[in-house]
């Protein structure tokens, strides 16, 4: 990367996201990569992190197993393409996707917490060869790379490109973002980290959570400033909550629109409905659930 950076040009790079491994410990008919996390599939979070990495990738190729249905709604379809791998030929398909000689970033599709900042650091560290950030908790003998970068052929040369085992090791400021989801327990751990991130984002926009650790917020939820969220609330889907609201304890709101200045007094259940400005809903009121 440094050669381009020295001339003042943005470095050119491409990304390959691997959604290939079987994860039997998830015990589900649904592919692990498609399991919901914060209201979106695990793989969606990975692809969004890649798309938000600066400078932007010239292209993003998702190499996926037959069980991983495509496409994803990632909001940038022009730069995203999909390559299906036949069962038993996953590594071969991945090597073909990595074959171009330009700088390539390989990202594990089961690492939904990885951030654009860490991906950018992996790319920067790959200026002289291969660099990788390794997942937490893996055996020392065969660590899995959450992200690896380098010339495409160098990444493809290994027995398994997802486990390069050599090159510069990049350490994340927060080891939790290098978590790979492989079972229900790690899925729960990822949910806690994601929830904390989302709560902090809303707090930065003027929202108060009285007991954040008891609250759940999906990634597509929008909340206005000076709204107070009481303990035990679950906010899901494309829910929009206006400014200066009070969301009482143990309320669940799913794909609903709550106007400005609304008070939910607690234990309310709203699904795909609209609550007008300044309305007051008594405890245990239900809307849109019939």
Protein backbone atom coordinates (compact mmCIF):
# COMPACT_ATOMS: atom_id res chain seq x y z
CA UNK A 1 0.00 0.00 0.00
CA UNK A 2 2.81 2.40 0.80
CA UNK A 3 3.91 2.85 -2.80
CA UNK A 4 0.55 4.25 -3.84
CA UNK A 5 0.20 6.25 -0.65
CA UNK A 6 3.57 7.94 -1.20
CA UNK A 7 2.42 9.27 -4.57
CA UNK A 8 -0.76 10.62 -3.04
CA UNK A 9 -3.00 8.09 -4.77
CA UNK A 10 -5.56 6.03 -2.88
CA UNK A 11 -4.36 2.41 -2.76
CA UNK A 12 -6.35 0.01 -4.91
CA UNK A 13 -7.55 -3.18 -3.29
CA UNK A 14 -10.28 -5.76 -3.59
CA UNK A 15 -12.02 -7.91 -0.99
CA UNK A 16 -13.05 -11.55 -0.81
CA UNK A 17 -15.48 -12.63 1.93
CA UNK A 18 -15.49 -16.36 2.67
CA UNK A 19 -18.75 -17.98 3.79
CA UNK A 20 -17.71 -21.58 3.25
CA UNK A 21 -17.14 -23.51 6.48
CA UNK A 22 -19.68 -25.88 7.89
CA UNK A 23 -20.52 -25.10 11.53
CA UNK A 24 -22.35 -28.18 12.86
CA UNK A 25 -22.24 -26.88 16.44
CA UNK A 26 -24.91 -24.31 15.55
CA UNK A 27 -27.42 -27.22 15.25
CA UNK A 28 -29.70 -25.52 12.76
CA UNK A 29 -31.14 -26.01 9.30
CA UNK A 30 -30.15 -22.40 8.63
CA UNK A 31 -26.56 -21.66 7.64
CA UNK A 32 -24.61 -20.02 10.44
CA UNK A 33 -23.77 -17.11 8.12
CA UNK A 34 -27.49 -16.33 7.77
CA UNK A 35 -28.35 -16.48 11.46
CA UNK A 36 -29.74 -13.14 12.67
CA UNK A 37 -27.63 -10.84 14.79
CA UNK A 38 -29.08 -7.46 15.64
CA UNK A 39 -31.81 -7.98 13.06
CA UNK A 40 -29.43 -8.76 10.16
CA UNK A 41 -27.60 -11.93 9.06
CA UNK A 42 -24.11 -12.51 10.47
CA UNK A 43 -22.66 -12.26 6.96
CA UNK A 44 -24.37 -8.89 6.40
CA UNK A 45 -22.36 -7.35 9.25
CA UNK A 46 -19.10 -8.59 7.75
CA UNK A 47 -19.87 -7.28 4.27
CA UNK A 48 -20.96 -3.90 5.64
CA UNK A 49 -17.65 -3.57 7.52
CA UNK A 50 -15.79 -4.29 4.28
CA UNK A 51 -17.87 -1.78 2.31
CA UNK A 52 -17.26 0.91 4.94
CA UNK A 53 -13.47 0.40 4.97
CA UNK A 54 -11.55 3.40 3.66
CA UNK A 55 -10.38 3.78 0.97
CA UNK A 56 -13.19 1.76 -0.62
CA UNK A 57 -12.59 -1.60 -2.26
CA UNK A 58 -12.74 -1.80 -6.03
CA UNK A 59 -14.93 -4.89 -5.67
CA UNK A 60 -16.23 -7.27 -3.02
CA UNK A 61 -16.58 -10.95 -3.90
CA UNK A 62 -18.58 -13.22 -1.60
CA UNK A 63 -17.56 -16.87 -1.98
CA UNK A 64 -20.28 -18.97 -0.40
CA UNK A 65 -21.35 -22.54 0.14
CA UNK A 66 -24.56 -23.84 -1.51
CA UNK A 67 -26.45 -23.56 1.80
CA UNK A 68 -25.79 -19.81 2.01
CA UNK A 69 -28.56 -18.23 -0.05
CA UNK A 70 -27.71 -15.02 -1.88
CA UNK A 71 -27.86 -12.11 -2.53
CA UNK A 72 -27.62 -10.02 0.63
CA UNK A 73 -29.32 -6.66 1.05
CA UNK A 74 -26.09 -4.74 1.73
CA UNK A 75 -27.08 -1.50 0.01
CA UNK A 76 -24.14 -1.45 -2.42
CA UNK A 77 -24.95 -4.10 -5.00
CA UNK A 78 -22.85 -2.49 -7.75
CA UNK A 79 -19.60 -3.45 -6.00
CA UNK A 80 -20.69 -6.85 -4.65
CA UNK A 81 -20.63 -10.10 -6.61
CA UNK A 82 -21.27 -13.70 -5.60
CA UNK A 83 -19.44 -16.95 -6.34
CA UNK A 84 -21.07 -20.22 -5.34
CA UNK A 85 -18.73 -23.05 -4.37
CA UNK A 86 -19.60 -26.68 -5.05
CA UNK A 87 -19.60 -28.96 -2.04
CA UNK A 88 -16.11 -30.39 -1.59
CA UNK A 89 -14.54 -27.70 -3.81
CA UNK A 90 -14.71 -24.78 -1.38
CA UNK A 91 -10.95 -24.17 -1.12
CA UNK A 92 -10.54 -24.35 -4.88
CA UNK A 93 -13.28 -21.75 -5.37
CA UNK A 94 -11.66 -19.53 -2.77
CA UNK A 95 -8.26 -19.78 -4.46
CA UNK A 96 -9.79 -18.80 -7.81
CA UNK A 97 -11.43 -15.75 -6.19
CA UNK A 98 -8.06 -14.78 -4.70
CA UNK A 99 -6.09 -15.30 -7.93
CA UNK A 100 -5.89 -11.67 -9.21
CA UNK A 101 -2.50 -10.15 -8.44
CA UNK A 102 -3.69 -6.90 -6.85
CA UNK A 103 -3.81 -6.30 -3.12
CA UNK A 104 -6.60 -8.45 -1.70
CA UNK A 105 -8.34 -8.53 1.66
CA UNK A 106 -9.74 -11.92 2.69
CA UNK A 107 -12.35 -11.70 5.46
CA UNK A 108 -14.06 -14.49 7.40
CA UNK A 109 -17.82 -14.31 6.94
CA UNK A 110 -18.36 -15.62 10.49
CA UNK A 111 -16.69 -12.60 12.17
CA UNK A 112 -19.54 -10.08 12.45
CA UNK A 113 -17.82 -7.77 14.95
CA UNK A 114 -14.77 -6.87 12.86
CA UNK A 115 -14.59 -3.12 12.23
CA UNK A 116 -13.60 -1.09 9.15
CA UNK A 117 -10.76 0.42 11.19
CA UNK A 118 -9.18 -2.98 11.86
CA UNK A 119 -9.62 -4.05 8.24
CA UNK A 120 -7.84 -0.86 7.14
CA UNK A 121 -4.97 -1.65 9.54
CA UNK A 122 -4.63 -5.16 8.09
CA UNK A 123 -4.44 -3.67 4.60
CA UNK A 124 -1.82 -1.15 5.71
CA UNK A 125 0.27 -3.87 7.37
CA UNK A 126 0.22 -5.88 4.13
CA UNK A 127 2.32 -3.26 2.30
CA UNK A 128 5.30 -5.62 2.25
CA UNK A 129 3.66 -9.03 2.10
CA UNK A 130 0.92 -10.86 3.99
CA UNK A 131 -0.69 -9.55 7.19
CA UNK A 132 -3.49 -11.02 9.27
CA UNK A 133 -5.62 -10.45 12.37
CA UNK A 134 -6.35 -13.76 14.07
CA UNK A 135 -9.47 -14.79 15.90
CA UNK A 136 -9.54 -15.06 19.67
CA UNK A 137 -9.52 -18.47 21.32
CA UNK A 138 -8.14 -20.53 18.43
CA UNK A 139 -5.55 -23.23 18.89
CA UNK A 140 -2.01 -21.91 18.47
CA UNK A 141 -1.19 -24.57 15.89
CA UNK A 142 -3.77 -23.52 13.32
CA UNK A 143 -5.13 -20.03 14.03
CA UNK A 144 -7.96 -18.78 11.88
CA UNK A 145 -7.61 -15.37 10.29
CA UNK A 146 -10.58 -13.06 10.75
CA UNK A 147 -8.92 -10.91 8.09
CA UNK A 148 -5.81 -11.39 5.98
CA UNK A 149 -4.37 -9.16 3.27
CA UNK A 150 -1.64 -9.35 0.68
CA UNK A 151 -1.17 -10.01 -3.03
CA UNK A 152 -3.89 -12.39 -4.17
CA UNK A 153 -1.56 -15.22 -5.26
CA UNK A 154 0.26 -15.07 -1.91
CA UNK A 155 -3.02 -15.58 -0.04
CA UNK A 156 -4.08 -18.36 -2.41
CA UNK A 157 -0.78 -20.24 -2.09
CA UNK A 158 -1.47 -21.73 1.32
CA UNK A 159 -3.18 -25.07 1.92
CA UNK A 160 -6.10 -23.14 3.40
CA UNK A 161 -6.15 -19.40 2.59
CA UNK A 162 -8.31 -18.80 5.66
CA UNK A 163 -5.42 -19.93 7.88
CA UNK A 164 -2.29 -18.29 6.46
CA UNK A 165 -0.19 -18.97 9.59
CA UNK A 166 2.54 -16.53 8.49
CA UNK A 167 3.12 -12.84 7.87
CA UNK A 168 2.62 -9.76 10.00
CA UNK A 169 0.22 -10.23 12.91
CA UNK A 170 -2.17 -7.33 13.45
CA UNK A 171 -3.53 -6.88 16.97
CA UNK A 172 -6.92 -5.27 17.46
CA UNK A 173 -7.47 -2.63 20.14
CA UNK A 174 -10.50 -4.65 21.26
CA UNK A 175 -9.98 -8.42 21.04
CA UNK A 176 -13.73 -8.99 21.12
CA UNK A 177 -14.11 -7.79 17.55
CA UNK A 178 -12.02 -10.76 16.40
CA UNK A 179 -14.61 -13.23 17.68
CA UNK A 180 -15.69 -15.87 15.17
CA UNK A 181 -19.23 -17.16 15.61
CA UNK A 182 -19.15 -20.95 15.52
CA UNK A 183 -22.00 -21.99 17.84
CA UNK A 184 -24.91 -20.64 19.88
CA UNK A 185 -22.65 -19.49 22.71
CA UNK A 186 -20.38 -17.36 20.52
CA UNK A 187 -23.49 -16.03 18.77
CA UNK A 188 -24.73 -14.84 22.17
CA UNK A 189 -21.35 -13.30 22.96
CA UNK A 190 -21.39 -11.42 19.66
CA UNK A 191 -24.89 -10.18 20.45
CA UNK A 192 -23.74 -8.64 23.73
CA UNK A 193 -20.87 -6.78 22.05
CA UNK A 194 -23.09 -5.57 19.23
CA UNK A 195 -25.78 -4.44 21.67
CA UNK A 196 -23.20 -2.43 23.65
CA UNK A 197 -21.98 -0.75 20.46
CA UNK A 198 -25.48 0.19 19.37
CA UNK A 199 -26.42 1.53 22.80
CA UNK A 200 -23.32 3.74 22.81
CA UNK A 201 -24.22 5.07 19.36
CA UNK A 202 -27.70 6.00 20.53
CA UNK A 203 -26.33 7.51 23.72
CA UNK A 204 -24.06 9.66 21.58
CA UNK A 205 -27.18 10.93 19.80
CA UNK A 206 -28.88 11.95 23.04
CA UNK A 207 -30.78 8.82 24.07
CA UNK A 208 -30.76 7.64 27.71
CA UNK A 209 -30.82 3.96 28.70
CA UNK A 210 -31.52 3.54 32.41
CA UNK A 211 -30.04 0.03 32.54
CA UNK A 212 -28.31 -0.63 29.20
CA UNK A 213 -27.29 -4.21 29.95
CA UNK A 214 -30.94 -5.26 30.04
CA UNK A 215 -31.92 -3.65 26.73
CA UNK A 216 -31.85 -5.09 23.20
CA UNK A 217 -31.57 -2.85 20.12
CA UNK A 218 -31.41 -4.00 16.48
CA UNK A 219 -29.14 -2.28 13.98
CA UNK A 220 -31.98 -0.65 12.01
CA UNK A 221 -33.68 0.95 15.03
CA UNK A 222 -33.78 4.76 15.07
CA UNK A 223 -34.39 6.75 18.28
CA UNK A 224 -34.81 10.51 18.69
CA UNK A 225 -32.90 12.69 21.14
CA UNK A 226 -34.02 13.04 24.76
CA UNK A 227 -35.88 9.74 24.68
CA UNK A 228 -35.52 7.59 27.81
CA UNK A 229 -35.49 3.81 27.53
CA UNK A 230 -36.29 1.92 30.73
CA UNK A 231 -34.85 -1.49 31.68
CA UNK A 232 -35.87 -4.66 29.88
CA UNK A 233 -36.94 -3.08 26.58
CA UNK A 234 -36.58 -4.90 23.25
CA UNK A 235 -36.45 -2.71 20.12
CA UNK A 236 -36.44 -4.71 16.90
CA UNK A 237 -36.53 -4.43 13.13
CA UNK A 238 -37.04 -1.08 11.43
CA UNK A 239 -38.55 0.55 14.50
CA UNK A 240 -38.48 4.35 14.63
CA UNK A 241 -39.00 6.18 17.94
CA UNK A 242 -39.38 9.94 18.02
CA UNK A 243 -37.67 12.47 20.27
CA UNK A 244 -38.65 13.08 23.91
CA UNK A 245 -40.35 9.73 24.39
CA UNK A 246 -40.48 7.55 27.47
CA UNK A 247 -40.29 3.82 26.68
CA UNK A 248 -41.45 2.15 29.87
CA UNK A 249 -39.95 -1.02 31.34
CA UNK A 250 -40.14 -4.38 29.54
CA UNK A 251 -41.75 -2.99 26.40
CA UNK A 252 -41.23 -4.74 23.07
CA UNK A 253 -41.48 -2.74 19.84
CA UNK A 254 -41.14 -4.47 16.45
CA UNK A 255 -41.16 -2.69 13.06
CA UNK A 256 -43.26 0.11 14.54
CA UNK A 257 -43.28 3.91 14.37
CA UNK A 258 -43.60 5.78 17.66
CA UNK A 259 -44.23 9.52 17.39
CA UNK A 260 -42.63 12.39 19.25
CA UNK A 261 -43.29 12.76 22.96
CA UNK A 262 -44.99 9.37 23.36
CA UNK A 263 -45.11 7.68 26.76
CA UNK A 264 -45.29 3.90 26.98
CA UNK A 265 -45.97 3.20 30.62
CA UNK A 266 -44.51 -0.29 30.54
CA UNK A 267 -44.96 -3.88 29.42
CA UNK A 268 -46.30 -2.60 26.09
CA UNK A 269 -46.18 -4.70 22.91
CA UNK A 270 -46.21 -2.90 19.55
CA UNK A 271 -45.85 -4.72 16.22
CA UNK A 272 -46.04 -3.06 12.78
CA UNK A 273 -48.14 -0.19 14.01
CA UNK A 274 -48.00 3.59 14.45
CA UNK A 275 -48.41 5.55 17.66
CA UNK A 276 -49.32 9.24 17.23
CA UNK A 277 -47.37 12.12 18.75
CA UNK A 278 -47.89 12.73 22.49
CA UNK A 279 -49.91 9.55 22.96
CA UNK A 280 -49.86 7.76 26.32
CA UNK A 281 -50.24 3.98 26.38
CA UNK A 282 -51.21 2.42 29.67
CA UNK A 283 -49.29 -0.58 31.01
CA UNK A 284 -49.79 -3.86 29.13
CA UNK A 285 -51.36 -2.10 26.11
CA UNK A 286 -50.90 -4.00 22.85
CA UNK A 287 -51.02 -2.58 19.32
CA UNK A 288 -50.91 -4.25 15.93
CA UNK A 289 -50.69 -7.80 17.18
CA UNK A 290 -54.04 -9.14 15.98
